C-alpha atoms as a PDB file:
ATOM      1  CA  MET A   1      -8.864 -16.719 -18.207  1.00  0.00           C
ATOM      2  CA  THR A   2      -8.331 -17.119 -14.466  1.00  0.00           C
ATOM      3  CA  ILE A   3      -5.293 -15.805 -12.650  1.00  0.00           C
ATOM      4  CA  VAL A   4      -4.571 -17.378  -9.265  1.00  0.00           C
ATOM      5  CA  PHE A   5      -2.499 -15.634  -6.600  1.00  0.00           C
ATOM      6  CA  ARG A   6      -1.620 -17.709  -3.584  1.00  0.00           C
ATOM      7  CA  TYR A   7      -1.718 -16.232  -0.111  1.00  0.00           C
ATOM      8  CA  ILE A   8       1.766 -15.428   1.165  1.00  0.00           C
ATOM      9  CA  HIS A   9       3.125 -14.678   4.632  1.00  0.00           C
ATOM     10  CA  ILE A  10       3.983 -11.029   5.253  1.00  0.00           C
ATOM     11  CA  GLN A  11       5.642  -9.931   8.496  1.00  0.00           C
ATOM     12  CA  ARG A  12       3.679  -7.235  10.328  1.00  0.00           C
ATOM     13  CA  PRO A  13       5.316  -4.423  12.324  1.00  0.00           C
ATOM     14  CA  ASP A  14       4.650  -6.343  15.574  1.00  0.00           C
ATOM     15  CA  GLY A  15       6.670  -9.309  14.218  1.00  0.00           C
ATOM     16  CA  THR A  16       3.742 -11.652  13.594  1.00  0.00           C
ATOM     17  CA  LEU A  17       3.236 -13.295  10.225  1.00  0.00           C
ATOM     18  CA  LYS A  18      -0.024 -12.652   8.398  1.00  0.00           C
ATOM     19  CA  LYS A  19      -1.198 -14.746   5.473  1.00  0.00           C
ATOM     20  CA  ALA A  20      -2.921 -12.565   2.882  1.00  0.00           C
ATOM     21  CA  PRO A  21      -3.464 -12.210  -0.883  1.00  0.00           C
ATOM     22  CA  TYR A  22      -0.441 -10.141  -1.894  1.00  0.00           C
ATOM     23  CA  ILE A  23       0.549  -9.810  -5.540  1.00  0.00           C
ATOM     24  CA  PRO A  24       3.765  -8.530  -7.095  1.00  0.00           C
ATOM     25  CA  VAL A  25       3.396  -4.945  -8.353  1.00  0.00           C
ATOM     26  CA  TYR A  26       6.033  -3.261 -10.486  1.00  0.00           C
ATOM     27  CA  LEU A  27       6.329   0.540 -10.271  1.00  0.00           C
ATOM     28  CA  ARG A  28       8.800   3.117 -11.539  1.00  0.00           C
ATOM     29  CA  ASN A  29      10.416   5.370  -8.965  1.00  0.00           C
ATOM     30  CA  LYS A  30      11.108   9.077  -9.433  1.00  0.00           C
ATOM     31  CA  ASP A  31      14.383   8.207 -11.222  1.00  0.00           C
ATOM     32  CA  GLY A  32      12.638   5.849 -13.660  1.00  0.00           C
ATOM     33  CA  LYS A  33      14.028   2.689 -12.027  1.00  0.00           C
ATOM     34  CA  LEU A  34      11.621  -0.284 -11.950  1.00  0.00           C
ATOM     35  CA  ILE A  35      10.932  -1.530  -8.409  1.00  0.00           C
ATOM     36  CA  LYS A  36       8.917  -4.496  -7.178  1.00  0.00           C
ATOM     37  CA  VAL A  37       6.570  -4.138  -4.193  1.00  0.00           C
ATOM     38  CA  ALA A  38       3.937  -6.393  -2.633  1.00  0.00           C
ATOM     39  CA  GLY A  39       0.379  -5.162  -3.224  1.00  0.00           C
ATOM     40  CA  LEU A  40      -2.494  -6.355  -1.042  1.00  0.00           C
ATOM     41  CA  LEU A  41      -5.641  -7.346  -2.921  1.00  0.00           C
ATOM     42  CA  ASP A  42      -8.454  -5.862  -0.836  1.00  0.00           C
ATOM     43  CA  SER A  43     -11.828  -6.059  -2.553  1.00  0.00           C
ATOM     44  CA  GLY A  44     -13.499  -4.265   0.359  1.00  0.00           C
ATOM     45  CA  ALA A  45     -11.226  -1.218   0.375  1.00  0.00           C
ATOM     46  CA  ASP A  46     -12.668   2.215  -0.359  1.00  0.00           C
ATOM     47  CA  ASN A  47      -9.221   3.822  -0.698  1.00  0.00           C
ATOM     48  CA  THR A  48      -5.747   2.964  -1.888  1.00  0.00           C
ATOM     49  CA  ILE A  49      -3.122   2.962   0.843  1.00  0.00           C
ATOM     50  CA  VAL A  50       0.479   3.861   0.035  1.00  0.00           C
ATOM     51  CA  PRO A  51       3.012   3.821   2.880  1.00  0.00           C
ATOM     52  CA  GLU A  52       4.839   7.135   3.304  1.00  0.00           C
ATOM     53  CA  ASP A  53       8.247   5.613   2.514  1.00  0.00           C
ATOM     54  CA  LEU A  54       6.920   4.239  -0.805  1.00  0.00           C
ATOM     55  CA  ALA A  55       5.353   7.612  -1.678  1.00  0.00           C
ATOM     56  CA  ILE A  56       8.784   9.209  -1.166  1.00  0.00           C
ATOM     57  CA  ILE A  57      10.535   6.556  -3.302  1.00  0.00           C
ATOM     58  CA  LEU A  58       7.969   7.074  -6.077  1.00  0.00           C
ATOM     59  CA  GLY A  59       8.379  10.854  -5.863  1.00  0.00           C
ATOM     60  CA  LEU A  60       4.695  11.519  -5.190  1.00  0.00           C
ATOM     61  CA  LYS A  61       4.037  15.182  -4.454  1.00  0.00           C
ATOM     62  CA  GLU A  62       1.622  15.786  -1.589  1.00  0.00           C
ATOM     63  CA  GLU A  63      -1.159  18.217  -2.478  1.00  0.00           C
ATOM     64  CA  GLU A  64      -3.064  18.220   0.831  1.00  0.00           C
ATOM     65  CA  SER A  65      -3.315  16.096   3.971  1.00  0.00           C
ATOM     66  CA  SER A  66      -5.296  15.594   7.172  1.00  0.00           C
ATOM     67  CA  ALA A  67      -5.001  13.249  10.167  1.00  0.00           C
ATOM     68  CA  SER A  68      -7.653  10.573  10.579  1.00  0.00           C
ATOM     69  CA  ILE A  69      -8.442   7.109  11.892  1.00  0.00           C
ATOM     70  CA  THR A  70      -8.834   4.259   9.417  1.00  0.00           C
ATOM     71  CA  LYS A  71     -11.023   1.356  10.463  1.00  0.00           C
ATOM     72  CA  GLY A  72     -10.614  -2.147   9.138  1.00  0.00           C
ATOM     73  CA  ILE A  73     -10.945  -5.801   9.938  1.00  0.00           C
ATOM     74  CA  GLY A  74      -7.716  -5.596  11.956  1.00  0.00           C
ATOM     75  CA  GLY A  75      -8.883  -2.640  14.055  1.00  0.00           C
ATOM     76  CA  ASP A  76      -8.265   1.109  14.063  1.00  0.00           C
ATOM     77  CA  VAL A  77      -5.069   2.708  12.749  1.00  0.00           C
ATOM     78  CA  LYS A  78      -3.973   6.354  12.863  1.00  0.00           C
ATOM     79  CA  THR A  79      -3.384   7.572   9.306  1.00  0.00           C
ATOM     80  CA  THR A  80      -2.780  10.714   7.342  1.00  0.00           C
ATOM     81  CA  SER A  81      -5.136  11.072   4.414  1.00  0.00           C
ATOM     82  CA  SER A  82      -3.364  12.754   1.536  1.00  0.00           C
ATOM     83  CA  ARG A  83      -3.948  13.588  -2.074  1.00  0.00           C
ATOM     84  CA  PHE A  84      -1.008  13.193  -4.425  1.00  0.00           C
ATOM     85  CA  ILE A  85      -0.280  14.418  -7.906  1.00  0.00           C
ATOM     86  CA  LEU A  86       0.708  11.677 -10.355  1.00  0.00           C
ATOM     87  CA  GLU A  87       2.804  12.965 -13.231  1.00  0.00           C
END
């Protein structure tokens, strides 16, 4: 069985539109409410990236963190690498 996800336009922080393979992802927040977010399919990624505001909504508890630079096809981005506890 093949599942096809079309590329969609997502607005970047600088206002430009970027076409990329985003899929709908359904998650439960810390209150048990089902929320829908856009998940980027990135077959070349070594890590999973969760924006800080989504981590807060999901109620993820930060275990440790450190500042770093993440490199990608779009350039370098300042990030905080963190480990979270999933309960």
